Structure formats: structure tokens, C-alpha cells
Amino acid sequence: MTSAASPLPGEPDVHLSVFLHGVRMDFAACLTAALVFVSEHRARYYFDAVTVDPRAEGYPRLPNERLYLQP
């Protein structure tokens, strides 16, 4: 578990790895926020620029994660 609280504590956290403009960024996010983020990101950028992994320990939370709870 990461240090910040999940907006949906009943859901598992996942690791998001985002590659944007040559920079790799790693975050933890609840599953719902991660799925919405991936969907929106893939619609605007490269299809394979985001990967999701079930091991989320040790990563900072996705900034403004709550904004990704609804499509």
C-alpha cells in the first residue's frame, strides 16, 4: 500500500507507468481511476504509452486521482 489513502479503499491499487515526451512516470492508483486514465490517455496520445501492473507498492499516488473515478 502506498502512503496516501486511496479514494476507493475497497478496490485494489495498480501501478501505472506512463511514458510521455521521453519521460517515464510511475504512479499508484485505484483500479477504477487507472482504467479511466488509460482510456483517456490512449485516446489522446500513443496507444502503448501507458502500462498497468498489479504491483503498486512504493509508488506515489496518481495526481488528482479522484478526477478519474468517472468517465
N, C-alpha and C. Protein backbone atom coordinates (compact mmCIF):
# COMPACT_ATOMS: atom_id res chain seq x y z
N MET A 1 0.84 -1.19 0.00
CA MET A 1 0.00 0.00 0.00
C MET A 1 0.89 1.24 0.00
N THR A 2 0.46 2.24 -0.72
CA THR A 2 1.22 3.49 -0.76
C THR A 2 0.85 4.34 0.45
N SER A 3 1.62 5.39 0.69
CA SER A 3 1.42 6.20 1.88
C SER A 3 0.13 7.01 1.85
N ALA A 4 -0.31 7.48 0.71
CA ALA A 4 -1.55 8.26 0.61
C ALA A 4 -2.75 7.31 0.56
N ALA A 5 -3.89 7.79 0.98
CA ALA A 5 -5.09 6.96 1.00
C ALA A 5 -5.73 6.90 -0.38
N SER A 6 -6.25 5.74 -0.69
CA SER A 6 -6.96 5.56 -1.95
C SER A 6 -8.35 6.18 -1.85
N PRO A 7 -8.86 6.77 -2.93
CA PRO A 7 -10.22 7.31 -2.89
C PRO A 7 -11.27 6.19 -2.85
N LEU A 8 -10.89 4.98 -3.26
CA LEU A 8 -11.77 3.81 -3.19
C LEU A 8 -11.02 2.69 -2.48
N PRO A 9 -10.99 2.71 -1.15
CA PRO A 9 -10.18 1.74 -0.40
C PRO A 9 -10.61 0.29 -0.59
N GLY A 10 -11.81 0.04 -1.08
CA GLY A 10 -12.27 -1.33 -1.31
C GLY A 10 -11.73 -1.93 -2.60
N GLU A 11 -11.10 -1.14 -3.42
CA GLU A 11 -10.54 -1.61 -4.70
C GLU A 11 -9.05 -1.83 -4.57
N PRO A 12 -8.52 -2.76 -5.37
CA PRO A 12 -7.06 -2.92 -5.36
C PRO A 12 -6.38 -1.74 -6.05
N ASP A 13 -5.17 -1.45 -5.62
CA ASP A 13 -4.35 -0.45 -6.29
C ASP A 13 -3.52 -1.13 -7.37
N VAL A 14 -3.23 -0.39 -8.43
CA VAL A 14 -2.38 -0.89 -9.50
C VAL A 14 -1.27 0.14 -9.76
N HIS A 15 -0.25 -0.30 -10.44
CA HIS A 15 0.88 0.55 -10.81
C HIS A 15 0.67 1.02 -12.24
N LEU A 16 0.64 2.33 -12.45
CA LEU A 16 0.58 2.92 -13.78
C LEU A 16 1.97 3.40 -14.16
N SER A 17 2.45 3.00 -15.30
CA SER A 17 3.71 3.51 -15.83
C SER A 17 3.38 4.28 -17.10
N VAL A 18 3.61 5.59 -17.06
CA VAL A 18 3.23 6.48 -18.16
C VAL A 18 4.50 6.99 -18.84
N PHE A 19 4.56 6.84 -20.16
CA PHE A 19 5.70 7.35 -20.93
C PHE A 19 5.18 8.47 -21.82
N LEU A 20 5.64 9.70 -21.54
CA LEU A 20 5.13 10.86 -22.24
C LEU A 20 6.28 11.82 -22.56
N HIS A 21 6.47 12.11 -23.83
CA HIS A 21 7.50 13.04 -24.28
C HIS A 21 8.88 12.68 -23.73
N GLY A 22 9.20 11.39 -23.76
CA GLY A 22 10.52 10.93 -23.33
C GLY A 22 10.71 10.78 -21.84
N VAL A 23 9.67 11.01 -21.05
CA VAL A 23 9.76 10.92 -19.60
C VAL A 23 8.85 9.79 -19.11
N ARG A 24 9.41 8.92 -18.28
CA ARG A 24 8.62 7.85 -17.68
C ARG A 24 8.20 8.28 -16.28
N MET A 25 6.91 8.15 -15.98
CA MET A 25 6.37 8.50 -14.67
C MET A 25 5.63 7.28 -14.13
N ASP A 26 5.82 6.99 -12.85
CA ASP A 26 5.20 5.82 -12.22
C ASP A 26 4.32 6.27 -11.07
N PHE A 27 3.10 5.72 -11.04
CA PHE A 27 2.13 6.08 -10.02
C PHE A 27 1.36 4.85 -9.56
N ALA A 28 0.76 4.97 -8.38
CA ALA A 28 -0.22 4.01 -7.90
C ALA A 28 -1.59 4.66 -8.05
N ALA A 29 -2.60 3.84 -8.36
CA ALA A 29 -3.97 4.35 -8.48
C ALA A 29 -4.93 3.21 -8.22
N CYS A 30 -6.13 3.54 -7.75
CA CYS A 30 -7.14 2.50 -7.61
C CYS A 30 -7.52 2.03 -9.02
N LEU A 31 -8.05 0.83 -9.10
CA LEU A 31 -8.32 0.22 -10.40
C LEU A 31 -9.24 1.06 -11.27
N THR A 32 -10.32 1.61 -10.70
CA THR A 32 -11.25 2.43 -11.49
C THR A 32 -10.55 3.65 -12.08
N ALA A 33 -9.81 4.38 -11.26
CA ALA A 33 -9.10 5.57 -11.75
C ALA A 33 -8.08 5.19 -12.82
N ALA A 34 -7.40 4.07 -12.62
CA ALA A 34 -6.41 3.62 -13.60
C ALA A 34 -7.05 3.31 -14.95
N LEU A 35 -8.19 2.63 -14.94
CA LEU A 35 -8.85 2.27 -16.19
C LEU A 35 -9.34 3.51 -16.94
N VAL A 36 -9.90 4.48 -16.23
CA VAL A 36 -10.36 5.71 -16.87
C VAL A 36 -9.15 6.50 -17.39
N PHE A 37 -8.09 6.58 -16.60
CA PHE A 37 -6.88 7.28 -17.03
C PHE A 37 -6.32 6.66 -18.31
N VAL A 38 -6.21 5.34 -18.33
CA VAL A 38 -5.67 4.65 -19.51
C VAL A 38 -6.54 4.92 -20.73
N SER A 39 -7.84 4.85 -20.58
CA SER A 39 -8.76 5.10 -21.69
C SER A 39 -8.59 6.51 -22.24
N GLU A 40 -8.56 7.51 -21.36
CA GLU A 40 -8.41 8.89 -21.80
C GLU A 40 -7.02 9.15 -22.39
N HIS A 41 -6.00 8.59 -21.77
CA HIS A 41 -4.63 8.81 -22.25
C HIS A 41 -4.43 8.19 -23.63
N ARG A 42 -4.95 7.00 -23.83
CA ARG A 42 -4.79 6.33 -25.12
C ARG A 42 -5.56 7.03 -26.23
N ALA A 43 -6.62 7.73 -25.88
CA ALA A 43 -7.38 8.46 -26.89
C ALA A 43 -6.62 9.70 -27.37
N ARG A 44 -5.73 10.24 -26.52
CA ARG A 44 -5.02 11.49 -26.85
C ARG A 44 -3.57 11.28 -27.28
N TYR A 45 -2.95 10.23 -26.78
CA TYR A 45 -1.52 10.01 -27.04
C TYR A 45 -1.34 8.64 -27.69
N TYR A 46 -0.16 8.10 -27.57
CA TYR A 46 0.14 6.80 -28.16
C TYR A 46 -0.58 5.68 -27.41
N PHE A 47 -1.03 4.70 -28.15
CA PHE A 47 -1.79 3.60 -27.57
C PHE A 47 -1.02 2.85 -26.49
N ASP A 48 0.27 2.67 -26.71
CA ASP A 48 1.06 1.87 -25.77
C ASP A 48 1.89 2.72 -24.81
N ALA A 49 1.52 3.96 -24.59
CA ALA A 49 2.29 4.86 -23.72
C ALA A 49 2.01 4.64 -22.24
N VAL A 50 1.01 3.81 -21.90
CA VAL A 50 0.68 3.53 -20.51
C VAL A 50 0.62 2.02 -20.31
N THR A 51 1.27 1.56 -19.25
CA THR A 51 1.14 0.15 -18.88
C THR A 51 0.60 0.06 -17.46
N VAL A 52 -0.06 -1.05 -17.16
CA VAL A 52 -0.66 -1.27 -15.84
C VAL A 52 -0.10 -2.57 -15.29
N ASP A 53 0.30 -2.53 -14.03
CA ASP A 53 0.87 -3.70 -13.36
C ASP A 53 0.17 -3.84 -12.01
N PRO A 54 -0.10 -5.05 -11.56
CA PRO A 54 -0.80 -5.21 -10.28
C PRO A 54 0.02 -4.85 -9.04
N ARG A 55 1.32 -4.71 -9.16
CA ARG A 55 2.17 -4.40 -8.00
C ARG A 55 2.33 -2.89 -7.86
N ALA A 56 1.59 -2.29 -6.92
CA ALA A 56 1.56 -0.83 -6.78
C ALA A 56 2.36 -0.31 -5.60
N GLU A 57 3.00 -1.18 -4.85
CA GLU A 57 3.69 -0.75 -3.63
C GLU A 57 4.86 0.19 -3.93
N GLY A 58 4.95 1.26 -3.14
CA GLY A 58 6.10 2.14 -3.22
C GLY A 58 6.00 3.29 -4.20
N TYR A 59 4.91 3.41 -4.92
CA TYR A 59 4.77 4.50 -5.89
C TYR A 59 3.88 5.60 -5.33
N PRO A 60 4.13 6.85 -5.70
CA PRO A 60 3.22 7.93 -5.28
C PRO A 60 1.87 7.77 -5.97
N ARG A 61 0.84 8.30 -5.38
CA ARG A 61 -0.49 8.19 -5.97
C ARG A 61 -0.58 9.08 -7.21
N LEU A 62 -1.43 8.67 -8.12
CA LEU A 62 -1.70 9.45 -9.33
C LEU A 62 -2.23 10.83 -8.93
N PRO A 63 -1.61 11.92 -9.39
CA PRO A 63 -2.11 13.25 -9.03
C PRO A 63 -3.57 13.42 -9.48
N ASN A 64 -4.36 14.02 -8.64
CA ASN A 64 -5.78 14.26 -8.93
C ASN A 64 -6.52 12.97 -9.28
N GLU A 65 -6.17 11.91 -8.60
CA GLU A 65 -6.76 10.59 -8.87
C GLU A 65 -8.29 10.60 -8.84
N ARG A 66 -8.87 11.37 -7.95
CA ARG A 66 -10.33 11.41 -7.83
C ARG A 66 -11.02 11.88 -9.12
N LEU A 67 -10.32 12.66 -9.94
CA LEU A 67 -10.91 13.14 -11.19
C LEU A 67 -11.12 12.01 -12.18
N TYR A 68 -10.45 10.88 -11.98
CA TYR A 68 -10.55 9.75 -12.90
C TYR A 68 -11.49 8.65 -12.39
N LEU A 69 -12.34 8.96 -11.43
CA LEU A 69 -13.25 7.95 -10.90
C LEU A 69 -14.50 7.77 -11.76
N GLN A 70 -14.77 8.73 -12.63
CA GLN A 70 -15.92 8.63 -13.54
C GLN A 70 -15.46 8.97 -14.94
N PRO A 71 -15.98 8.23 -15.93
CA PRO A 71 -15.59 8.52 -17.33
C PRO A 71 -16.08 9.87 -17.80
